[in-house]
Protein backbone atom coordinates (compact mmCIF):
# COMPACT_ATOMS: atom_id res chain seq x y z
CA MET A 1 -11.10 15.57 18.68
CA ARG A 2 -8.63 12.81 17.91
CA LYS A 3 -7.06 12.04 14.55
CA ASN A 4 -9.11 8.87 14.12
CA ASP A 5 -12.46 10.52 14.91
CA VAL A 6 -15.10 10.98 12.22
CA TYR A 7 -18.14 13.16 12.92
CA LEU A 8 -21.27 12.84 10.79
CA ILE A 9 -24.54 14.76 10.87
CA HIS A 10 -27.62 14.48 8.64
CA GLY A 11 -30.26 17.03 7.76
CA THR A 12 -31.24 19.97 5.59
CA ASP A 13 -30.58 22.94 7.89
CA TYR A 14 -26.95 23.13 6.87
CA LEU A 15 -26.01 26.16 8.94
CA GLU A 16 -27.30 24.68 12.20
CA MET A 17 -25.85 21.27 11.31
CA THR A 18 -22.46 22.88 10.85
CA LYS A 19 -22.62 24.64 14.22
CA ARG A 20 -23.60 21.46 16.03
CA LEU A 21 -20.93 19.32 14.38
CA LEU A 22 -18.20 21.87 15.19
CA PHE A 23 -19.42 22.05 18.78
CA GLU A 24 -19.52 18.26 19.22
CA ALA A 25 -16.08 17.91 17.63
CA GLY A 26 -14.68 20.50 20.05
CA LEU A 27 -13.25 22.76 17.35
CA SER A 28 -12.74 25.70 19.74
CA ASP A 29 -10.49 23.56 21.94
CA MET A 30 -8.53 22.46 18.87
CA ILE A 31 -7.83 26.08 17.97
CA GLY A 32 -7.19 27.15 21.56
CA ASP A 33 -6.03 30.78 21.63
CA ARG A 34 -9.02 33.10 20.99
CA GLY A 35 -6.61 35.55 19.39
CA ALA A 36 -5.55 33.04 16.74
CA SER A 37 -6.18 33.81 13.07
CA VAL A 38 -8.50 31.27 11.42
CA GLY A 39 -8.76 30.60 7.70
CA ILE A 40 -11.76 28.99 6.00
CA LYS A 41 -10.98 27.42 2.62
CA PRO A 42 -14.09 26.24 0.68
CA ASN A 43 -14.17 24.73 -2.80
CA LEU A 44 -15.11 27.38 -5.36
CA VAL A 45 -13.51 25.64 -8.30
CA ALA A 46 -15.68 27.38 -10.90
CA ALA A 47 -18.70 29.65 -11.29
CA SER A 48 -21.24 27.03 -10.27
CA ALA A 49 -24.09 26.96 -7.77
CA PRO A 50 -23.56 24.45 -4.92
CA SER A 51 -26.75 22.65 -5.97
CA GLN A 52 -24.86 21.42 -9.05
CA GLY A 53 -22.54 19.37 -6.85
CA ALA A 54 -19.21 21.14 -7.45
CA THR A 55 -18.88 23.97 -4.93
CA THR A 56 -19.16 24.25 -1.15
CA HIS A 57 -22.55 25.33 0.17
CA GLY A 58 -22.33 28.80 1.70
CA GLU A 59 -24.28 27.66 4.74
CA LEU A 60 -21.25 25.62 5.88
CA VAL A 61 -19.07 28.71 5.73
CA ALA A 62 -21.74 30.82 7.44
CA GLY A 63 -22.25 28.20 10.14
CA THR A 64 -18.50 28.04 10.75
CA ILE A 65 -18.28 31.82 11.07
CA VAL A 66 -21.21 31.94 13.50
CA TYR A 67 -19.74 29.13 15.61
CA LEU A 68 -16.31 30.77 15.74
CA ARG A 69 -17.78 34.14 16.69
CA GLU A 70 -19.88 32.54 19.45
CA GLN A 71 -16.72 30.88 20.78
CA GLY A 72 -14.83 34.17 20.91
CA PHE A 73 -12.80 34.02 17.70
CA SER A 74 -12.77 37.23 15.67
CA ARG A 75 -9.80 36.97 13.28
CA ILE A 76 -11.53 34.99 10.53
CA THR A 77 -10.72 35.03 6.81
CA VAL A 78 -12.32 33.14 3.92
CA MET A 79 -9.92 32.36 1.07
CA GLU A 80 -9.93 30.47 -2.21
CA GLY A 81 -8.46 30.45 -5.69
CA SER A 82 -10.59 28.96 -8.48
CA TRP A 83 -9.10 26.69 -11.11
CA VAL A 84 -7.15 27.99 -14.09
CA GLY A 85 -9.51 29.60 -16.60
CA ALA A 86 -12.09 30.58 -13.97
CA ASP A 87 -12.30 33.91 -12.17
CA THR A 88 -12.53 33.54 -8.39
CA ALA A 89 -14.79 36.60 -8.08
CA HIS A 90 -17.28 35.04 -10.51
CA SER A 91 -17.16 31.75 -8.60
CA LEU A 92 -17.75 33.59 -5.33
CA LYS A 93 -20.84 35.26 -6.76
CA ALA A 94 -22.24 32.13 -8.42
CA ALA A 95 -21.96 30.18 -5.16
CA GLY A 96 -23.86 32.90 -3.27
CA TYR A 97 -21.03 33.92 -0.96
CA GLU A 98 -21.19 37.69 -1.41
CA PRO A 99 -24.18 38.27 0.93
CA ILE A 100 -22.67 35.91 3.51
CA LEU A 101 -19.37 37.78 3.63
CA LYS A 102 -21.24 41.09 3.77
CA GLU A 103 -23.58 39.99 6.56
CA TYR A 104 -20.81 38.68 8.80
CA GLN A 105 -18.22 41.30 7.75
CA VAL A 106 -15.59 38.67 7.04
CA PRO A 107 -12.77 39.45 4.57
CA PHE A 108 -12.17 37.31 1.50
CA VAL A 109 -8.77 36.69 -0.08
CA ASP A 110 -8.64 35.79 -3.76
CA LEU A 111 -5.66 33.45 -3.82
CA GLN A 112 -5.34 33.85 -7.58
CA LYS A 113 -4.13 37.39 -6.77
CA ASP A 114 -2.12 36.51 -3.67
CA GLY A 115 1.65 36.43 -3.33
CA PHE A 116 3.42 33.10 -2.99
CA ARG A 117 6.68 31.44 -2.02
CA GLU A 118 8.32 28.16 -2.94
CA TYR A 119 8.70 25.48 -0.27
CA ASP A 120 10.37 22.11 0.10
CA ALA A 121 7.41 19.73 0.25
CA SER A 122 9.16 16.52 1.32
CA GLY A 123 11.52 16.49 -1.63
CA MET A 124 9.39 18.38 -4.15
CA ARG A 125 9.57 22.16 -4.63
CA ILE A 126 6.03 23.62 -4.56
CA LYS A 127 4.79 27.21 -4.56
CA VAL A 128 2.08 28.02 -1.98
CA CYS A 129 0.07 31.23 -1.56
CA ASP A 130 1.19 33.41 1.34
CA SER A 131 -2.24 33.92 2.94
CA ALA A 132 -2.88 30.18 3.19
CA LEU A 133 0.20 29.66 5.36
CA ALA A 134 -0.10 32.91 7.30
CA VAL A 135 -3.17 31.84 9.34
CA ASP A 136 -2.71 30.05 12.63
CA PHE A 137 -5.47 27.52 11.99
CA MET A 138 -7.00 26.39 8.67
CA ILE A 139 -10.46 24.89 8.21
CA ASN A 140 -10.60 23.01 4.91
CA VAL A 141 -14.20 22.85 3.59
CA PRO A 142 -14.16 20.58 0.51
CA VAL A 143 -16.99 18.91 -1.39
CA LEU A 144 -17.18 15.12 -1.43
CA LYS A 145 -17.42 14.35 -5.15
CA GLY A 146 -16.04 12.43 -8.09
CA HIS A 147 -13.30 13.64 -10.41
CA CYS A 148 -12.64 12.70 -14.02
CA GLN A 149 -8.85 12.48 -13.51
CA THR A 150 -8.27 11.49 -9.90
CA THR A 151 -11.48 9.43 -9.39
CA VAL A 152 -12.47 11.27 -6.21
CA THR A 153 -11.67 14.65 -4.74
CA CYS A 154 -12.08 15.94 -1.20
CA ALA A 155 -9.69 17.20 1.49
CA LEU A 156 -6.27 16.55 -0.04
CA LYS A 157 -7.07 17.76 -3.54
CA ASN A 158 -9.05 20.78 -2.31
CA ASN A 159 -5.73 22.28 -1.28
CA LYS A 160 -4.89 22.84 -4.94
CA GLY A 161 -6.84 26.05 -4.39
CA VAL A 162 -4.05 27.47 -2.22
CA ILE A 163 -1.39 27.39 -4.94
CA PRO A 164 -0.91 29.96 -7.74
CA ASN A 165 -2.30 29.28 -11.22
CA SER A 166 1.15 28.59 -12.64
CA GLU A 167 1.55 25.79 -10.11
CA LYS A 168 -1.89 24.37 -10.88
CA ARG A 169 -0.87 24.04 -14.52
CA ARG A 170 2.36 22.32 -13.50
CA PHE A 171 0.49 19.87 -11.27
CA HIS A 172 -1.43 18.63 -14.31
CA THR A 173 1.77 18.08 -16.27
CA LEU A 174 3.05 16.00 -13.35
CA GLY A 175 -0.04 13.80 -13.27
CA LEU A 176 -1.75 15.37 -10.21
CA HIS A 177 -1.34 12.48 -7.76
CA LYS A 178 2.29 12.94 -6.71
CA PRO A 179 2.18 16.76 -6.40
CA ILE A 180 -1.12 16.64 -4.49
CA ALA A 181 0.43 14.25 -1.98
CA HIS A 182 3.55 16.38 -1.55
CA LEU A 183 1.56 19.63 -1.34
CA ASN A 184 -0.22 18.33 1.74
CA THR A 185 3.07 17.99 3.62
CA VAL A 186 3.35 21.81 3.80
CA VAL A 187 -0.23 23.18 3.71
CA LYS A 188 -2.46 23.36 6.77
CA ASN A 189 -5.17 20.73 7.32
CA ASP A 190 -6.08 21.57 10.91
CA PHE A 191 -9.76 20.64 10.56
CA ILE A 192 -11.73 19.29 7.61
CA LEU A 193 -15.44 20.09 7.33
CA VAL A 194 -16.82 18.10 4.41
CA ASP A 195 -19.78 19.18 2.30
CA ASN A 196 -21.49 15.84 1.55
CA ILE A 197 -24.78 17.48 0.68
CA CYS A 198 -25.04 16.75 -3.03
CA GLY A 199 -21.60 16.15 -4.56
CA ASP A 200 -21.30 15.31 -8.24
CA LEU A 201 -20.84 11.68 -9.31
CA ASP A 202 -17.99 12.20 -11.72
CA PHE A 203 -16.85 15.71 -12.46
CA GLU A 204 -15.12 18.43 -10.46
CA GLU A 205 -17.24 21.09 -12.18
CA GLY A 206 -20.58 19.47 -11.26
CA GLY A 207 -23.68 18.56 -13.23
CA ASN A 208 -24.63 15.18 -11.73
CA PRO A 209 -25.37 15.96 -8.06
CA VAL A 210 -26.37 13.11 -5.74
CA PRO A 211 -28.37 14.29 -2.68
CA MET A 212 -26.88 12.92 0.56
CA ASP A 213 -27.69 15.75 3.01
CA ARG A 214 -24.69 15.05 5.25
CA ILE A 215 -21.81 17.04 6.71
CA LEU A 216 -18.67 15.31 7.97
CA GLY A 217 -15.85 16.37 10.25
CA PHE A 218 -12.24 15.08 10.32
CA ALA A 219 -8.90 16.00 11.86
CA ASP A 220 -6.97 13.83 9.37
CA PRO A 221 -7.17 14.61 5.62
CA VAL A 222 -5.92 11.15 4.61
CA LEU A 223 -8.56 9.44 6.73
CA CYS A 224 -11.09 11.84 5.23
CA ASP A 225 -10.26 10.89 1.66
CA ALA A 226 -10.14 7.18 2.51
CA PHE A 227 -13.65 7.55 3.95
CA VAL A 228 -14.71 9.29 0.72
CA CYS A 229 -13.49 6.33 -1.32
CA GLU A 230 -15.55 3.97 0.79
CA ALA A 231 -18.60 6.22 0.57
CA MET A 232 -18.40 6.25 -3.24
CA GLY A 233 -17.62 2.56 -3.69
CA PHE A 234 -13.91 2.84 -4.52
CA ALA A 235 -10.89 1.15 -3.00
CA VAL A 236 -8.30 3.52 -1.53
CA SER A 237 -5.77 1.97 -3.90
CA GLU A 238 -7.75 3.36 -6.85
CA VAL A 239 -6.79 6.90 -5.77
CA PRO A 240 -2.96 6.93 -5.71
CA TYR A 241 -2.49 10.30 -4.01
CA ILE A 242 -4.09 9.00 -0.81
CA GLY A 243 -1.49 6.26 -0.34
CA MET A 244 1.29 8.63 -1.40
CA ALA A 245 0.21 11.21 1.18
CA GLU A 246 0.04 8.52 3.86
CA ALA A 247 3.56 7.37 3.00
CA LEU A 248 4.75 10.97 3.39
CA GLY A 249 3.31 11.12 6.91
CA VAL A 250 0.33 13.37 6.17
CA GLY A 251 -2.14 11.04 7.90
CA SER A 252 -3.58 7.54 8.14
CA SER A 253 -6.05 5.72 5.87
CA ASP A 254 -6.88 3.16 8.57
CA LEU A 255 -10.68 3.15 8.43
CA ALA A 256 -10.83 0.06 10.64
CA GLY A 257 -9.32 2.13 13.45
CA ALA A 258 -11.61 5.12 12.90
CA LYS A 259 -14.26 6.01 15.46
CA LEU A 260 -17.50 7.21 13.85
CA HIS A 261 -19.66 9.66 15.80
CA VAL A 262 -23.14 9.82 14.20
CA LEU A 263 -24.91 12.82 15.69
CA ASN A 264 -28.42 12.11 14.42
CA ALA A 265 -30.50 9.86 12.17
CA PRO A 266 -30.64 10.29 8.37
CA VAL A 267 -33.47 12.35 6.93
CA SER A 268 -35.88 11.26 4.23
CA ALA A 269 -35.18 12.49 0.72
CA THR A 270 -37.70 15.24 0.05
CA SER A 271 -36.19 17.14 -2.89
CA SER A 272 -38.74 17.93 -5.60
CA GLU A 273 -36.09 19.10 -8.05
CA ARG A 274 -35.67 17.12 -11.26
CA PRO A 275 -32.66 14.82 -10.81
CA ALA A 276 -29.57 15.20 -13.00
CA ARG A 277 -29.67 13.21 -16.24
CA ARG A 278 -27.09 10.67 -15.08
CA VAL A 279 -28.83 10.16 -11.75
CA GLU A 280 -32.21 9.90 -13.49
CA LYS A 281 -30.85 7.09 -15.67
CA LEU A 282 -29.54 5.19 -12.64
CA ALA A 283 -32.79 5.76 -10.73
CA ARG A 284 -34.59 3.50 -13.22
CA TYR A 285 -33.05 0.60 -11.32
CA VAL A 286 -34.46 1.80 -7.99
CA GLN A 287 -37.88 1.52 -6.35
CA ALA A 288 -37.70 4.09 -3.59
CA ASP A 289 -40.37 4.61 -0.95
CA ASP A 290 -39.59 7.32 1.61
CA ALA A 291 -35.87 6.66 1.26
CA CYS A 292 -33.35 8.49 3.43
CA SER A 293 -31.05 10.67 1.37
CA ALA A 294 -27.87 9.04 2.69
CA CYS A 295 -29.07 5.51 1.91
CA TYR A 296 -30.40 6.50 -1.52
CA GLY A 297 -27.22 8.37 -2.35
CA SER A 298 -25.04 5.38 -1.45
CA LEU A 299 -27.12 3.19 -3.76
CA ILE A 300 -26.79 5.68 -6.62
CA HIS A 301 -23.01 5.79 -6.14
CA ALA A 302 -22.87 1.97 -6.26
CA LEU A 303 -25.02 1.80 -9.38
CA ASN A 304 -22.82 4.42 -11.01
CA ARG A 305 -19.73 2.31 -10.31
CA LEU A 306 -21.40 -0.71 -11.88
CA ASP A 307 -22.48 1.34 -14.88
CA GLU A 308 -18.97 2.73 -15.42
CA ALA A 309 -17.59 -0.81 -15.39
CA GLY A 310 -20.27 -2.04 -17.81
CA ARG A 311 -21.66 -4.37 -15.14
CA LEU A 312 -25.05 -2.77 -14.50
CA GLU A 313 -27.35 -5.67 -15.29
CA LYS A 314 -30.40 -4.78 -17.39
CA ARG A 315 -32.30 -7.65 -15.78
CA LEU A 316 -32.32 -5.61 -12.60
CA LEU A 317 -35.01 -3.48 -14.26
CA LYS A 318 -37.34 -6.49 -13.89
CA HIS A 319 -36.82 -6.31 -10.11
CA PRO A 320 -35.80 -2.72 -9.22
CA VAL A 321 -33.87 -2.37 -5.98
CA ALA A 322 -36.21 -1.54 -3.10
CA ILE A 323 -35.06 1.14 -0.68
CA GLY A 324 -36.66 3.33 1.96
CA GLN A 325 -38.73 3.31 5.12
CA GLY A 326 -41.88 2.61 3.13
CA TRP A 327 -40.60 -0.92 2.55
CA GLN A 328 -40.70 -1.88 6.22
CA LYS A 329 -42.57 -5.18 6.61
CA LYS A 330 -43.31 -5.27 2.86
CA PRO A 331 -42.23 -8.20 0.66
CA GLY A 332 -39.99 -7.72 -2.34
CA GLU A 333 -37.23 -9.32 -4.40
CA ILE A 334 -34.13 -7.28 -3.57
CA GLY A 335 -33.63 -4.40 -1.17
CA ILE A 336 -30.98 -2.12 0.31
CA GLY A 337 -30.93 -1.04 3.97
CA ARG A 338 -32.48 -2.40 7.13
CA CYS A 339 -35.94 -1.16 6.14
CA THR A 340 -36.09 -3.78 3.36
CA GLY A 341 -35.74 -6.82 5.62
CA GLY A 342 -38.92 -8.28 4.11
CA CYS A 343 -37.28 -8.72 0.71
CA ARG A 344 -35.97 -12.12 -0.39
CA HIS A 345 -32.52 -10.61 -0.74
CA SER A 346 -31.73 -7.70 1.57
CA LEU A 347 -28.55 -5.87 2.57
CA LYS A 348 -28.52 -4.73 6.18
CA GLY A 349 -27.21 -1.32 7.21
CA CYS A 350 -28.43 2.20 7.98
CA PRO A 351 -27.14 3.22 5.58
CA PRO A 352 -24.93 0.54 4.02
CA LYS A 353 -21.81 1.85 2.28
CA ALA A 354 -21.59 2.09 -1.50
CA GLY A 355 -18.85 -0.57 -1.56
CA GLU A 356 -21.06 -2.98 0.40
CA ILE A 357 -23.95 -2.34 -1.97
CA LEU A 358 -21.66 -2.94 -4.93
CA SER A 359 -20.58 -6.35 -3.62
CA PHE A 360 -24.14 -7.26 -2.64
CA LEU A 361 -25.55 -6.54 -6.10
CA GLU A 362 -22.77 -8.45 -7.82
CA THR A 363 -23.34 -11.42 -5.52
CA TYR A 364 -27.10 -11.26 -6.16
CA TRP A 365 -26.60 -11.38 -9.92
CA GLY A 366 -24.15 -14.21 -9.54
CA LYS A 367 -26.75 -16.32 -7.74
CA ALA A 368 -29.71 -15.26 -9.92
């Protein structure tokens, strides 16, 4: 896998999806030595079930363990340190990790209780937990989601979990962006496996999950987070730590030069669960008919951006945005995705990105 590669897989069998993505990306070749120690670092920020959009689904960790074992790797450790004020053991239990670790007999390191040392992170002194730097190869497994302070959070910010609590507090006093960028000059980002299943719209602790049913793979954490911005309808410039990390040599945000490997087609949204209150509000502007989760999720992210900016036009309720395979060859006023080609105003793409949807809706209102 090259630094500019992006792997994407859709579906609802998250364990099998994980195994296939890792196989297609050639993770075993990236690690090389079968005797190497491999760390898996999920996001267990707080005691929250993954369905709430804050924590990494256990199936991604299980799928990674199964893949590694099948490829001959045996020295595997899962590690994480929840945020200040949360107990990592409680987070582990709430996310359903205990039976996974027991089944596969994989050790877990609570980084809140780990030793640490101070390092020179490109001109900034930062303390990092010993276990996080002791492994030969680190697999970062963040959740693609919004954040109330940094706008988005994914690969780069997920590494806050490998620093002691005292350092987490200090990061907040420093404004988060600069220390996050510098931290990533010393921590390991050997492979990034992104949980894009149902990340929260706004908050690190979850509550407004948006079903997307996707898993992503990257070798570059900066490219990963730039991709996240695009997926959620933000410009990379709106998230300062991405540009700071790029300037420090952590990676590249060049999405134009990225090569996307889509391993399968999106799946239709089939969840019968009641949507989160915020998502339910935004869904009033949508007329979905057998919509794929990825396409629907991109639309919800775009509508959320418009709502936050006070630009979500109420007149759109008169003509809700059509989306989904059920709209093929059906007439309508405005639609998102290639399945809505029969609408008077339709945005091509399968799925179109949230930023594209944002621009399309603003242009539509401007002409209406």
